[in-house]
PDB file of all heavy atoms in Angstrom:
ATOM      1  N   ASN A   1     -11.616   1.193  -7.200  1.00  0.00           N
ATOM      2  CA  ASN A   1     -11.860   2.609  -7.517  1.00  0.00           C
ATOM      3  C   ASN A   1     -10.607   3.459  -7.288  1.00  0.00           C
ATOM      4  O   ASN A   1     -10.703   4.678  -7.172  1.00  0.00           O
ATOM      5  CB  ASN A   1     -13.027   3.121  -6.681  1.00  0.00           C
ATOM      6  CG  ASN A   1     -14.333   2.536  -7.151  1.00  0.00           C
ATOM      7  OD1 ASN A   1     -14.732   2.725  -8.296  1.00  0.00           O
ATOM      8  ND2 ASN A   1     -14.994   1.791  -6.284  1.00  0.00           N
ATOM      9  N   HIS A   2      -9.456   2.805  -7.220  1.00  0.00           N
ATOM     10  CA  HIS A   2      -8.158   3.465  -7.021  1.00  0.00           C
ATOM     11  C   HIS A   2      -8.113   4.301  -5.746  1.00  0.00           C
ATOM     12  O   HIS A   2      -7.505   5.358  -5.708  1.00  0.00           O
ATOM     13  CB  HIS A   2      -7.773   4.299  -8.245  1.00  0.00           C
ATOM     14  CG  HIS A   2      -7.554   3.460  -9.454  1.00  0.00           C
ATOM     15  ND1 HIS A   2      -6.413   2.723  -9.664  1.00  0.00           N
ATOM     16  CD2 HIS A   2      -8.349   3.197 -10.513  1.00  0.00           C
ATOM     17  CE1 HIS A   2      -6.504   2.059 -10.794  1.00  0.00           C
ATOM     18  NE2 HIS A   2      -7.678   2.333 -11.332  1.00  0.00           N
ATOM     19  N   ILE A   3      -8.744   3.794  -4.704  1.00  0.00           N
ATOM     20  CA  ILE A   3      -8.683   4.402  -3.382  1.00  0.00           C
ATOM     21  C   ILE A   3      -7.824   3.487  -2.508  1.00  0.00           C
ATOM     22  O   ILE A   3      -8.127   2.298  -2.377  1.00  0.00           O
ATOM     23  CB  ILE A   3     -10.084   4.557  -2.767  1.00  0.00           C
ATOM     24  CG1 ILE A   3     -10.931   5.502  -3.618  1.00  0.00           C
ATOM     25  CG2 ILE A   3     -10.003   5.030  -1.317  1.00  0.00           C
ATOM     26  CD1 ILE A   3     -12.403   5.523  -3.241  1.00  0.00           C
ATOM     27  N   ILE A   4      -6.769   4.021  -1.943  1.00  0.00           N
ATOM     28  CA  ILE A   4      -5.929   3.236  -1.053  1.00  0.00           C
ATOM     29  C   ILE A   4      -6.660   3.109   0.283  1.00  0.00           C
ATOM     30  O   ILE A   4      -6.927   4.105   0.946  1.00  0.00           O
ATOM     31  CB  ILE A   4      -4.559   3.914  -0.837  1.00  0.00           C
ATOM     32  CG1 ILE A   4      -3.833   4.116  -2.162  1.00  0.00           C
ATOM     33  CG2 ILE A   4      -3.712   3.127   0.159  1.00  0.00           C
ATOM     34  CD1 ILE A   4      -3.489   2.855  -2.903  1.00  0.00           C
ATOM     35  N   PRO A   5      -7.013   1.886   0.690  1.00  0.00           N
ATOM     36  CA  PRO A   5      -7.738   1.702   1.947  1.00  0.00           C
ATOM     37  C   PRO A   5      -6.868   2.051   3.158  1.00  0.00           C
ATOM     38  O   PRO A   5      -5.657   1.843   3.142  1.00  0.00           O
ATOM     39  CB  PRO A   5      -8.089   0.217   1.969  1.00  0.00           C
ATOM     40  CG  PRO A   5      -7.810  -0.301   0.611  1.00  0.00           C
ATOM     41  CD  PRO A   5      -6.820   0.620  -0.013  1.00  0.00           C
ATOM     42  N   ALA A   6      -7.500   2.557   4.193  1.00  0.00           N
ATOM     43  CA  ALA A   6      -6.781   2.908   5.421  1.00  0.00           C
ATOM     44  C   ALA A   6      -5.981   1.733   5.952  1.00  0.00           C
ATOM     45  O   ALA A   6      -4.917   1.918   6.548  1.00  0.00           O
ATOM     46  CB  ALA A   6      -7.778   3.398   6.474  1.00  0.00           C
ATOM     47  N   GLU A   7      -6.447   0.518   5.721  1.00  0.00           N
ATOM     48  CA  GLU A   7      -5.779  -0.677   6.243  1.00  0.00           C
ATOM     49  C   GLU A   7      -4.363  -0.876   5.714  1.00  0.00           C
ATOM     50  O   GLU A   7      -3.606  -1.664   6.265  1.00  0.00           O
ATOM     51  CB  GLU A   7      -6.600  -1.935   5.925  1.00  0.00           C
ATOM     52  CG  GLU A   7      -7.921  -2.015   6.642  1.00  0.00           C
ATOM     53  CD  GLU A   7      -9.072  -1.317   5.912  1.00  0.00           C
ATOM     54  OE1 GLU A   7      -8.821  -0.615   4.913  1.00  0.00           O
ATOM     55  OE2 GLU A   7     -10.217  -1.484   6.343  1.00  0.00           O
ATOM     56  N   ILE A   8      -4.003  -0.175   4.644  1.00  0.00           N
ATOM     57  CA  ILE A   8      -2.639  -0.321   4.117  1.00  0.00           C
ATOM     58  C   ILE A   8      -1.914   1.018   4.050  1.00  0.00           C
ATOM     59  O   ILE A   8      -0.954   1.175   3.307  1.00  0.00           O
ATOM     60  CB  ILE A   8      -2.618  -1.050   2.759  1.00  0.00           C
ATOM     61  CG1 ILE A   8      -3.439  -0.325   1.710  1.00  0.00           C
ATOM     62  CG2 ILE A   8      -3.059  -2.482   2.903  1.00  0.00           C
ATOM     63  CD1 ILE A   8      -3.296  -0.926   0.328  1.00  0.00           C
ATOM     64  N   THR A   9      -2.364   1.984   4.854  1.00  0.00           N
ATOM     65  CA  THR A   9      -1.660   3.256   4.954  1.00  0.00           C
ATOM     66  C   THR A   9      -0.818   3.268   6.223  1.00  0.00           C
ATOM     67  O   THR A   9      -1.039   2.482   7.139  1.00  0.00           O
ATOM     68  CB  THR A   9      -2.633   4.443   4.966  1.00  0.00           C
ATOM     69  OG1 THR A   9      -3.446   4.378   6.140  1.00  0.00           O
ATOM     70  CG2 THR A   9      -3.505   4.453   3.722  1.00  0.00           C
ATOM     71  N   TYR A  10       0.119   4.182   6.280  1.00  0.00           N
ATOM     72  CA  TYR A  10       1.105   4.181   7.361  1.00  0.00           C
ATOM     73  C   TYR A  10       0.508   4.292   8.757  1.00  0.00           C
ATOM     74  O   TYR A  10       1.036   3.739   9.709  1.00  0.00           O
ATOM     75  CB  TYR A  10       2.132   5.299   7.155  1.00  0.00           C
ATOM     76  CG  TYR A  10       1.642   6.664   7.584  1.00  0.00           C
ATOM     77  CD1 TYR A  10       2.049   7.212   8.794  1.00  0.00           C
ATOM     78  CD2 TYR A  10       0.766   7.384   6.791  1.00  0.00           C
ATOM     79  CE1 TYR A  10       1.589   8.452   9.203  1.00  0.00           C
ATOM     80  CE2 TYR A  10       0.313   8.609   7.189  1.00  0.00           C
ATOM     81  CZ  TYR A  10       0.723   9.151   8.387  1.00  0.00           C
ATOM     82  OH  TYR A  10       0.261  10.376   8.798  1.00  0.00           O
ATOM     83  N   ASP A  11      -0.602   4.990   8.910  1.00  0.00           N
ATOM     84  CA  ASP A  11      -1.188   5.124  10.247  1.00  0.00           C
ATOM     85  C   ASP A  11      -2.470   4.306  10.409  1.00  0.00           C
ATOM     86  O   ASP A  11      -3.081   4.328  11.472  1.00  0.00           O
ATOM     87  CB  ASP A  11      -1.449   6.582  10.589  1.00  0.00           C
ATOM     88  CG  ASP A  11      -2.472   7.243   9.684  1.00  0.00           C
ATOM     89  OD1 ASP A  11      -3.013   6.579   8.769  1.00  0.00           O
ATOM     90  OD2 ASP A  11      -2.749   8.437   9.881  1.00  0.00           O
ATOM     91  N   TYR A  12      -2.860   3.588   9.339  1.00  0.00           N
ATOM     92  CA  TYR A  12      -4.043   2.712   9.353  1.00  0.00           C
ATOM     93  C   TYR A  12      -5.333   3.470   9.675  1.00  0.00           C
ATOM     94  O   TYR A  12      -6.288   2.885  10.151  1.00  0.00           O
ATOM     95  CB  TYR A  12      -3.862   1.551  10.356  1.00  0.00           C
ATOM     96  CG  TYR A  12      -2.632   0.724  10.100  1.00  0.00           C
ATOM     97  CD1 TYR A  12      -1.479   0.934  10.841  1.00  0.00           C
ATOM     98  CD2 TYR A  12      -2.620  -0.258   9.121  1.00  0.00           C
ATOM     99  CE1 TYR A  12      -0.333   0.174  10.600  1.00  0.00           C
ATOM    100  CE2 TYR A  12      -1.482  -1.013   8.880  1.00  0.00           C
ATOM    101  CZ  TYR A  12      -0.339  -0.788   9.622  1.00  0.00           C
ATOM    102  OH  TYR A  12       0.784  -1.539   9.385  1.00  0.00           O
ATOM    103  N   LYS A  13      -5.368   4.788   9.401  1.00  0.00           N
ATOM    104  CA  LYS A  13      -6.524   5.590   9.795  1.00  0.00           C
ATOM    105  C   LYS A  13      -7.294   6.226   8.645  1.00  0.00           C
ATOM    106  O   LYS A  13      -8.494   6.393   8.754  1.00  0.00           O
ATOM    107  CB  LYS A  13      -6.088   6.692  10.768  1.00  0.00           C
ATOM    108  CG  LYS A  13      -5.607   6.162  12.096  1.00  0.00           C
ATOM    109  CD  LYS A  13      -5.218   7.292  13.007  1.00  0.00           C
ATOM    110  CE  LYS A  13      -4.678   6.732  14.316  1.00  0.00           C
ATOM    111  NZ  LYS A  13      -4.161   7.798  15.177  1.00  0.00           N
ATOM    112  N   ALA A  14      -6.607   6.615   7.574  1.00  0.00           N
ATOM    113  CA  ALA A  14      -7.281   7.408   6.555  1.00  0.00           C
ATOM    114  C   ALA A  14      -7.152   6.789   5.171  1.00  0.00           C
ATOM    115  O   ALA A  14      -6.052   6.458   4.739  1.00  0.00           O
ATOM    116  CB  ALA A  14      -6.720   8.825   6.538  1.00  0.00           C
ATOM    117  N   ASP A  15      -8.277   6.653   4.486  1.00  0.00           N
ATOM    118  CA  ASP A  15      -8.253   6.238   3.083  1.00  0.00           C
ATOM    119  C   ASP A  15      -7.529   7.308   2.268  1.00  0.00           C
ATOM    120  O   ASP A  15      -7.474   8.474   2.658  1.00  0.00           O
ATOM    121  CB  ASP A  15      -9.673   6.106   2.538  1.00  0.00           C
ATOM    122  CG  ASP A  15     -10.424   4.909   3.076  1.00  0.00           C
ATOM    123  OD1 ASP A  15      -9.786   4.000   3.634  1.00  0.00           O
ATOM    124  OD2 ASP A  15     -11.660   4.890   2.948  1.00  0.00           O
ATOM    125  N   LYS A  16      -6.999   6.898   1.147  1.00  0.00           N
ATOM    126  CA  LYS A  16      -6.368   7.766   0.153  1.00  0.00           C
ATOM    127  C   LYS A  16      -5.013   8.311   0.574  1.00  0.00           C
ATOM    128  O   LYS A  16      -4.417   9.088  -0.145  1.00  0.00           O
ATOM    129  CB  LYS A  16      -7.290   8.934  -0.241  1.00  0.00           C
ATOM    130  CG  LYS A  16      -8.601   8.499  -0.850  1.00  0.00           C
ATOM    131  CD  LYS A  16      -9.416   9.693  -1.280  1.00  0.00           C
ATOM    132  CE  LYS A  16     -10.742   9.265  -1.834  1.00  0.00           C
ATOM    133  NZ  LYS A  16     -11.541  10.392  -2.295  1.00  0.00           N
ATOM    134  N   GLU A  17      -4.507   7.931   1.729  1.00  0.00           N
ATOM    135  CA  GLU A  17      -3.187   8.376   2.165  1.00  0.00           C
ATOM    136  C   GLU A  17      -2.140   7.772   1.237  1.00  0.00           C
ATOM    137  O   GLU A  17      -2.200   6.590   0.922  1.00  0.00           O
ATOM    138  CB  GLU A  17      -2.945   7.933   3.602  1.00  0.00           C
ATOM    139  CG  GLU A  17      -1.585   8.238   4.147  1.00  0.00           C
ATOM    140  CD  GLU A  17      -1.258   9.713   4.202  1.00  0.00           C
ATOM    141  OE1 GLU A  17      -2.029  10.481   4.802  1.00  0.00           O
ATOM    142  OE2 GLU A  17      -0.234  10.088   3.610  1.00  0.00           O
ATOM    143  N   VAL A  18      -1.192   8.574   0.785  1.00  0.00           N
ATOM    144  CA  VAL A  18      -0.193   8.063  -0.155  1.00  0.00           C
ATOM    145  C   VAL A  18       0.966   7.363   0.540  1.00  0.00           C
ATOM    146  O   VAL A  18       1.743   6.666  -0.102  1.00  0.00           O
ATOM    147  CB  VAL A  18       0.355   9.179  -1.071  1.00  0.00           C
ATOM    148  CG1 VAL A  18      -0.742   9.739  -1.942  1.00  0.00           C
ATOM    149  CG2 VAL A  18       1.037  10.266  -0.265  1.00  0.00           C
ATOM    150  N   HIS A  19       1.102   7.536   1.844  1.00  0.00           N
ATOM    151  CA  HIS A  19       2.178   6.890   2.580  1.00  0.00           C
ATOM    152  C   HIS A  19       1.689   5.519   3.034  1.00  0.00           C
ATOM    153  O   HIS A  19       0.752   5.416   3.815  1.00  0.00           O
ATOM    154  CB  HIS A  19       2.616   7.749   3.761  1.00  0.00           C
ATOM    155  CG  HIS A  19       3.117   9.090   3.322  1.00  0.00           C
ATOM    156  ND1 HIS A  19       4.347   9.249   2.711  1.00  0.00           N
ATOM    157  CD2 HIS A  19       2.557  10.314   3.372  1.00  0.00           C
ATOM    158  CE1 HIS A  19       4.513  10.523   2.420  1.00  0.00           C
ATOM    159  NE2 HIS A  19       3.446  11.183   2.800  1.00  0.00           N
ATOM    160  N   LEU A  20       2.342   4.494   2.546  1.00  0.00           N
ATOM    161  CA  LEU A  20       1.885   3.129   2.769  1.00  0.00           C
ATOM    162  C   LEU A  20       2.452   2.517   4.040  1.00  0.00           C
ATOM    163  O   LEU A  20       3.472   2.949   4.562  1.00  0.00           O
ATOM    164  CB  LEU A  20       2.267   2.266   1.575  1.00  0.00           C
ATOM    165  CG  LEU A  20       1.697   2.704   0.229  1.00  0.00           C
ATOM    166  CD1 LEU A  20       2.264   1.834  -0.884  1.00  0.00           C
ATOM    167  CD2 LEU A  20       0.197   2.662   0.243  1.00  0.00           C
ATOM    168  N   SER A  21       1.796   1.473   4.481  1.00  0.00           N
ATOM    169  CA  SER A  21       2.247   0.670   5.611  1.00  0.00           C
ATOM    170  C   SER A  21       3.120  -0.464   5.082  1.00  0.00           C
ATOM    171  O   SER A  21       3.349  -0.603   3.876  1.00  0.00           O
ATOM    172  CB  SER A  21       1.031   0.073   6.329  1.00  0.00           C
ATOM    173  OG  SER A  21       0.364  -0.820   5.446  1.00  0.00           O
ATOM    174  N   VAL A  22       3.559  -1.319   5.986  1.00  0.00           N
ATOM    175  CA  VAL A  22       4.322  -2.508   5.607  1.00  0.00           C
ATOM    176  C   VAL A  22       3.529  -3.319   4.590  1.00  0.00           C
ATOM    177  O   VAL A  22       4.083  -3.805   3.594  1.00  0.00           O
ATOM    178  CB  VAL A  22       4.643  -3.360   6.856  1.00  0.00           C
ATOM    179  CG1 VAL A  22       5.188  -4.711   6.475  1.00  0.00           C
ATOM    180  CG2 VAL A  22       5.605  -2.626   7.762  1.00  0.00           C
ATOM    181  N   GLU A  23       2.227  -3.454   4.815  1.00  0.00           N
ATOM    182  CA  GLU A  23       1.378  -4.230   3.908  1.00  0.00           C
ATOM    183  C   GLU A  23       1.353  -3.615   2.512  1.00  0.00           C
ATOM    184  O   GLU A  23       1.440  -4.322   1.505  1.00  0.00           O
ATOM    185  CB  GLU A  23      -0.044  -4.320   4.462  1.00  0.00           C
ATOM    186  CG  GLU A  23      -0.160  -5.048   5.764  1.00  0.00           C
ATOM    187  CD  GLU A  23       0.040  -4.182   7.007  1.00  0.00           C
ATOM    188  OE1 GLU A  23       0.540  -3.042   6.897  1.00  0.00           O
ATOM    189  OE2 GLU A  23      -0.292  -4.660   8.104  1.00  0.00           O
ATOM    190  N   GLY A  24       1.239  -2.298   2.453  1.00  0.00           N
ATOM    191  CA  GLY A  24       1.222  -1.614   1.165  1.00  0.00           C
ATOM    192  C   GLY A  24       2.535  -1.759   0.417  1.00  0.00           C
ATOM    193  O   GLY A  24       2.565  -2.009  -0.788  1.00  0.00           O
ATOM    194  N   TYR A  25       3.645  -1.610   1.144  1.00  0.00           N
ATOM    195  CA  TYR A  25       4.945  -1.768   0.500  1.00  0.00           C
ATOM    196  C   TYR A  25       5.214  -3.219   0.117  1.00  0.00           C
ATOM    197  O   TYR A  25       5.936  -3.492  -0.844  1.00  0.00           O
ATOM    198  CB  TYR A  25       6.063  -1.202   1.371  1.00  0.00           C
ATOM    199  CG  TYR A  25       6.124   0.300   1.256  1.00  0.00           C
ATOM    200  CD1 TYR A  25       5.799   1.107   2.340  1.00  0.00           C
ATOM    201  CD2 TYR A  25       6.467   0.914   0.061  1.00  0.00           C
ATOM    202  CE1 TYR A  25       5.829   2.490   2.231  1.00  0.00           C
ATOM    203  CE2 TYR A  25       6.497   2.291  -0.065  1.00  0.00           C
ATOM    204  CZ  TYR A  25       6.182   3.075   1.024  1.00  0.00           C
ATOM    205  OH  TYR A  25       6.205   4.434   0.908  1.00  0.00           O
ATOM    206  N   HIS A  26       4.622  -4.154   0.841  1.00  0.00           N
ATOM    207  CA  HIS A  26       4.750  -5.567   0.468  1.00  0.00           C
ATOM    208  C   HIS A  26       4.139  -5.788  -0.920  1.00  0.00           C
ATOM    209  O   HIS A  26       4.717  -6.509  -1.746  1.00  0.00           O
ATOM    210  CB  HIS A  26       4.075  -6.468   1.498  1.00  0.00           C
ATOM    211  CG  HIS A  26       4.084  -7.907   1.110  1.00  0.00           C
ATOM    212  ND1 HIS A  26       5.163  -8.729   1.338  1.00  0.00           N
ATOM    213  CD2 HIS A  26       3.168  -8.660   0.455  1.00  0.00           C
ATOM    214  CE1 HIS A  26       4.905  -9.930   0.849  1.00  0.00           C
ATOM    215  NE2 HIS A  26       3.698  -9.916   0.313  1.00  0.00           N
ATOM    216  N   ILE A  27       2.992  -5.177  -1.167  1.00  0.00           N
ATOM    217  CA  ILE A  27       2.350  -5.312  -2.478  1.00  0.00           C
ATOM    218  C   ILE A  27       3.287  -4.794  -3.567  1.00  0.00           C
ATOM    219  O   ILE A  27       3.512  -5.455  -4.582  1.00  0.00           O
ATOM    220  CB  ILE A  27       1.008  -4.558  -2.534  1.00  0.00           C
ATOM    221  CG1 ILE A  27       0.019  -5.138  -1.531  1.00  0.00           C
ATOM    222  CG2 ILE A  27       0.430  -4.584  -3.952  1.00  0.00           C
ATOM    223  CD1 ILE A  27      -1.209  -4.255  -1.308  1.00  0.00           C
ATOM    224  N   MET A  28       3.830  -3.599  -3.353  1.00  0.00           N
ATOM    225  CA  MET A  28       4.715  -3.010  -4.363  1.00  0.00           C
ATOM    226  C   MET A  28       5.944  -3.885  -4.594  1.00  0.00           C
ATOM    227  O   MET A  28       6.328  -4.142  -5.737  1.00  0.00           O
ATOM    228  CB  MET A  28       5.120  -1.604  -3.939  1.00  0.00           C
ATOM    229  CG  MET A  28       3.969  -0.623  -3.995  1.00  0.00           C
ATOM    230  SD  MET A  28       4.412   1.019  -3.439  1.00  0.00           S
ATOM    231  CE  MET A  28       5.598   1.491  -4.660  1.00  0.00           C
ATOM    232  N   ALA A  29       6.562  -4.350  -3.516  1.00  0.00           N
ATOM    233  CA  ALA A  29       7.757  -5.188  -3.640  1.00  0.00           C
ATOM    234  C   ALA A  29       7.437  -6.487  -4.368  1.00  0.00           C
ATOM    235  O   ALA A  29       8.220  -6.960  -5.203  1.00  0.00           O
ATOM    236  CB  ALA A  29       8.335  -5.474  -2.257  1.00  0.00           C
ATOM    237  N   TYR A  30       6.299  -7.063  -4.069  1.00  0.00           N
ATOM    238  CA  TYR A  30       5.869  -8.301  -4.714  1.00  0.00           C
ATOM    239  C   TYR A  30       5.755  -8.096  -6.224  1.00  0.00           C
ATOM    240  O   TYR A  30       6.253  -8.906  -7.015  1.00  0.00           O
ATOM    241  CB  TYR A  30       4.536  -8.751  -4.125  1.00  0.00           C
ATOM    242  CG  TYR A  30       4.038 -10.063  -4.666  1.00  0.00           C
ATOM    243  CD1 TYR A  30       4.247 -11.239  -3.957  1.00  0.00           C
ATOM    244  CD2 TYR A  30       3.360 -10.142  -5.879  1.00  0.00           C
ATOM    245  CE1 TYR A  30       3.791 -12.455  -4.447  1.00  0.00           C
ATOM    246  CE2 TYR A  30       2.910 -11.344  -6.376  1.00  0.00           C
ATOM    247  CZ  TYR A  30       3.125 -12.496  -5.657  1.00  0.00           C
ATOM    248  OH  TYR A  30       2.682 -13.701  -6.147  1.00  0.00           O
ATOM    249  N   LEU A  31       5.087  -7.029  -6.613  1.00  0.00           N
ATOM    250  CA  LEU A  31       4.874  -6.766  -8.041  1.00  0.00           C
ATOM    251  C   LEU A  31       6.188  -6.513  -8.776  1.00  0.00           C
ATOM    252  O   LEU A  31       6.397  -7.007  -9.895  1.00  0.00           O
ATOM    253  CB  LEU A  31       3.914  -5.592  -8.224  1.00  0.00           C
ATOM    254  CG  LEU A  31       2.477  -5.839  -7.770  1.00  0.00           C
ATOM    255  CD1 LEU A  31       1.685  -4.529  -7.740  1.00  0.00           C
ATOM    256  CD2 LEU A  31       1.789  -6.864  -8.641  1.00  0.00           C
ATOM    257  N   VAL A  32       7.084  -5.758  -8.154  1.00  0.00           N
ATOM    258  CA  VAL A  32       8.371  -5.475  -8.784  1.00  0.00           C
ATOM    259  C   VAL A  32       9.212  -6.749  -8.859  1.00  0.00           C
ATOM    260  O   VAL A  32       9.801  -7.052  -9.902  1.00  0.00           O
ATOM    261  CB  VAL A  32       9.111  -4.346  -8.035  1.00  0.00           C
ATOM    262  CG1 VAL A  32      10.542  -4.206  -8.536  1.00  0.00           C
ATOM    263  CG2 VAL A  32       8.356  -3.025  -8.197  1.00  0.00           C
ATOM    264  N   ALA A  33       9.267  -7.518  -7.772  1.00  0.00           N
ATOM    265  CA  ALA A  33      10.046  -8.767  -7.776  1.00  0.00           C
ATOM    266  C   ALA A  33       9.499  -9.750  -8.808  1.00  0.00           C
ATOM    267  O   ALA A  33      10.280 -10.425  -9.507  1.00  0.00           O
ATOM    268  CB  ALA A  33      10.040  -9.393  -6.386  1.00  0.00           C
ATOM    269  N   GLU A  34       8.190  -9.822  -8.911  1.00  0.00           N
ATOM    270  CA  GLU A  34       7.564 -10.705  -9.897  1.00  0.00           C
ATOM    271  C   GLU A  34       8.018 -10.343 -11.316  1.00  0.00           C
ATOM    272  O   GLU A  34       8.359 -11.211 -12.119  1.00  0.00           O
ATOM    273  CB  GLU A  34       6.052 -10.599  -9.759  1.00  0.00           C
ATOM    274  CG  GLU A  34       5.264 -11.454 -10.708  1.00  0.00           C
ATOM    275  CD  GLU A  34       3.779 -11.254 -10.516  1.00  0.00           C
ATOM    276  OE1 GLU A  34       3.260 -10.162 -10.860  1.00  0.00           O
ATOM    277  OE2 GLU A  34       3.144 -12.180  -9.997  1.00  0.00           O
ATOM    278  N   ARG A  35       8.056  -9.044 -11.594  1.00  0.00           N
ATOM    279  CA  ARG A  35       8.479  -8.598 -12.924  1.00  0.00           C
ATOM    280  C   ARG A  35       9.961  -8.876 -13.152  1.00  0.00           C
ATOM    281  O   ARG A  35      10.375  -9.290 -14.229  1.00  0.00           O
ATOM    282  CB  ARG A  35       8.186  -7.110 -13.107  1.00  0.00           C
ATOM    283  CG  ARG A  35       8.517  -6.572 -14.498  1.00  0.00           C
ATOM    284  CD  ARG A  35       7.722  -7.259 -15.618  1.00  0.00           C
ATOM    285  NE  ARG A  35       6.322  -7.196 -15.390  1.00  0.00           N
ATOM    286  CZ  ARG A  35       5.510  -6.224 -15.799  1.00  0.00           C
ATOM    287  NH1 ARG A  35       5.981  -5.220 -16.485  1.00  0.00           N
ATOM    288  NH2 ARG A  35       4.225  -6.267 -15.520  1.00  0.00           N
ATOM    289  N   LEU A  36      10.778  -8.645 -12.122  1.00  0.00           N
ATOM    290  CA  LEU A  36      12.207  -8.918 -12.254  1.00  0.00           C
ATOM    291  C   LEU A  36      12.468 -10.392 -12.526  1.00  0.00           C
ATOM    292  O   LEU A  36      13.359 -10.740 -13.316  1.00  0.00           O
ATOM    293  CB  LEU A  36      12.954  -8.461 -10.999  1.00  0.00           C
ATOM    294  CG  LEU A  36      13.045  -6.949 -10.800  1.00  0.00           C
ATOM    295  CD1 LEU A  36      13.626  -6.621  -9.435  1.00  0.00           C
ATOM    296  CD2 LEU A  36      13.843  -6.288 -11.913  1.00  0.00           C
TER     297      LEU A  36
END
């Protein structure tokens, strides 16, 4: 539903936070590296 879970936000507390944690940035890096 395009809701960022708290588990991958920077403070691990609030859904929909746009600031990601290490886990969230890992996803982004993975997707970009895969495309490259």
